[in-house]
C-alpha atoms as a PDB file:
ATOM      1  CA  UNK A   1      48.212 163.400   4.278  1.00  0.00           C
ATOM      2  CA  UNK A   2      49.316 159.972   3.103  1.00  0.00           C
ATOM      3  CA  UNK A   3      47.796 158.650   6.260  1.00  0.00           C
ATOM      4  CA  UNK A   4      44.635 160.177   5.273  1.00  0.00           C
ATOM      5  CA  UNK A   5      44.731 158.591   2.069  1.00  0.00           C
ATOM      6  CA  UNK A   6      45.295 155.103   3.718  1.00  0.00           C
ATOM      7  CA  UNK A   7      42.369 155.596   5.852  1.00  0.00           C
ATOM      8  CA  UNK A   8      40.182 156.449   3.318  1.00  0.00           C
ATOM      9  CA  UNK A   9      41.366 153.627   0.887  1.00  0.00           C
ATOM     10  CA  UNK A  10      41.160 151.095   4.063  1.00  0.00           C
ATOM     11  CA  UNK A  11      37.613 152.443   4.860  1.00  0.00           C
ATOM     12  CA  UNK A  12      36.281 151.719   1.474  1.00  0.00           C
ATOM     13  CA  UNK A  13      37.583 148.236   1.750  1.00  0.00           C
ATOM     14  CA  UNK A  14      36.445 147.907   5.383  1.00  0.00           C
ATOM     15  CA  UNK A  15      32.931 148.853   4.313  1.00  0.00           C
ATOM     16  CA  UNK A  16      32.873 146.564   1.726  1.00  0.00           C
ATOM     17  CA  UNK A  17      33.741 143.820   4.201  1.00  0.00           C
ATOM     18  CA  UNK A  18      31.011 144.551   6.742  1.00  0.00           C
ATOM     19  CA  UNK A  19      32.223 147.651   8.185  1.00  0.00           C
ATOM     20  CA  UNK A  20      31.949 147.203  12.232  1.00  0.00           C
ATOM     21  CA  UNK A  21      32.930 143.606  11.790  1.00  0.00           C
ATOM     22  CA  UNK A  22      36.361 144.934  10.546  1.00  0.00           C
ATOM     23  CA  UNK A  23      38.809 146.707  13.005  1.00  0.00           C
ATOM     24  CA  UNK A  24      39.029 150.433  12.382  1.00  0.00           C
ATOM     25  CA  UNK A  25      42.382 151.770  10.651  1.00  0.00           C
ATOM     26  CA  UNK A  26      43.965 152.921  14.160  1.00  0.00           C
ATOM     27  CA  UNK A  27      43.323 149.407  15.718  1.00  0.00           C
ATOM     28  CA  UNK A  28      45.278 147.795  12.876  1.00  0.00           C
ATOM     29  CA  UNK A  29      49.074 146.270  13.677  1.00  0.00           C
ATOM     30  CA  UNK A  30      51.414 149.080  12.527  1.00  0.00           C
ATOM     31  CA  UNK A  31      53.037 146.743   9.667  1.00  0.00           C
ATOM     32  CA  UNK A  32      49.437 146.586   8.350  1.00  0.00           C
ATOM     33  CA  UNK A  33      48.870 150.534   8.494  1.00  0.00           C
ATOM     34  CA  UNK A  34      52.488 150.930   6.906  1.00  0.00           C
ATOM     35  CA  UNK A  35      51.151 148.500   3.829  1.00  0.00           C
ATOM     36  CA  UNK A  36      47.911 151.092   3.304  1.00  0.00           C
ATOM     37  CA  UNK A  37      50.140 153.826   3.651  1.00  0.00           C
ATOM     38  CA  UNK A  38      52.504 152.407   0.831  1.00  0.00           C
ATOM     39  CA  UNK A  39      49.354 151.924  -1.269  1.00  0.00           C
ATOM     40  CA  UNK A  40      48.465 155.574  -0.602  1.00  0.00           C
ATOM     41  CA  UNK A  41      51.888 156.720  -1.627  1.00  0.00           C
ATOM     42  CA  UNK A  42      51.538 154.809  -4.911  1.00  0.00           C
ATOM     43  CA  UNK A  43      48.154 156.464  -5.478  1.00  0.00           C
ATOM     44  CA  UNK A  44      49.344 159.953  -4.806  1.00  0.00           C
ATOM     45  CA  UNK A  45      52.247 159.426  -7.004  1.00  0.00           C
ATOM     46  CA  UNK A  46      50.052 158.538  -9.825  1.00  0.00           C
ATOM     47  CA  UNK A  47      48.535 161.841  -9.487  1.00  0.00           C
ATOM     48  CA  UNK A  48      51.909 163.779  -9.755  1.00  0.00           C
ATOM     49  CA  UNK A  49      51.795 164.053 -13.447  1.00  0.00           C
ATOM     50  CA  UNK A  50      48.509 165.826 -14.364  1.00  0.00           C
ATOM     51  CA  UNK A  51      46.667 164.823 -17.450  1.00  0.00           C
ATOM     52  CA  UNK A  52      45.925 167.110 -20.249  1.00  0.00           C
ATOM     53  CA  UNK A  53      42.229 167.720 -18.811  1.00  0.00           C
ATOM     54  CA  UNK A  54      43.800 168.549 -15.530  1.00  0.00           C
ATOM     55  CA  UNK A  55      46.363 170.872 -17.088  1.00  0.00           C
ATOM     56  CA  UNK A  56      43.667 172.751 -19.032  1.00  0.00           C
ATOM     57  CA  UNK A  57      41.381 173.140 -15.964  1.00  0.00           C
ATOM     58  CA  UNK A  58      44.702 174.642 -13.802  1.00  0.00           C
ATOM     59  CA  UNK A  59      45.247 177.097 -16.670  1.00  0.00           C
ATOM     60  CA  UNK A  60      41.592 178.447 -16.161  1.00  0.00           C
ATOM     61  CA  UNK A  61      41.835 178.505 -12.596  1.00  0.00           C
ATOM     62  CA  UNK A  62      40.701 182.113 -11.406  1.00  0.00           C
ATOM     63  CA  UNK A  63      44.222 182.392  -9.639  1.00  0.00           C
ATOM     64  CA  UNK A  64      46.165 181.403 -12.921  1.00  0.00           C
ATOM     65  CA  UNK A  65      47.843 178.437 -11.433  1.00  0.00           C
ATOM     66  CA  UNK A  66      51.845 178.844 -11.652  1.00  0.00           C
ATOM     67  CA  UNK A  67      53.477 176.086 -13.863  1.00  0.00           C
ATOM     68  CA  UNK A  68      54.652 173.234 -11.606  1.00  0.00           C
ATOM     69  CA  UNK A  69      52.561 174.118  -8.649  1.00  0.00           C
ATOM     70  CA  UNK A  70      50.569 170.876  -9.107  1.00  0.00           C
ATOM     71  CA  UNK A  71      53.710 168.709  -8.831  1.00  0.00           C
ATOM     72  CA  UNK A  72      54.948 170.792  -6.190  1.00  0.00           C
ATOM     73  CA  UNK A  73      51.913 170.168  -4.172  1.00  0.00           C
ATOM     74  CA  UNK A  74      51.958 166.373  -4.901  1.00  0.00           C
ATOM     75  CA  UNK A  75      55.841 166.265  -3.802  1.00  0.00           C
ATOM     76  CA  UNK A  76      54.531 168.148  -0.572  1.00  0.00           C
ATOM     77  CA  UNK A  77      52.401 165.398   0.202  1.00  0.00           C
ATOM     78  CA  UNK A  78      54.871 162.877  -0.488  1.00  0.00           C
ATOM     79  CA  UNK A  79      57.361 164.168   1.599  1.00  0.00           C
ATOM     80  CA  UNK A  80      55.025 164.886   4.543  1.00  0.00           C
END
């Protein structure tokens, strides 16, 4: 999952820099992909603590979101 986030972040940057003129994510050197994955990890970690509007929306979810499930999901991404 972190690689997906890293690719998405990179693709946004790549697109802003000219798309085809910049190598695709998989062609980047390993250390550069690792740097993008570090940024992805930081982005996902920022999501770990849901905001009040997110908590409210989760409480109103049809399945009745269990307490702690949001954090558990984010932790699973970070441990992947």
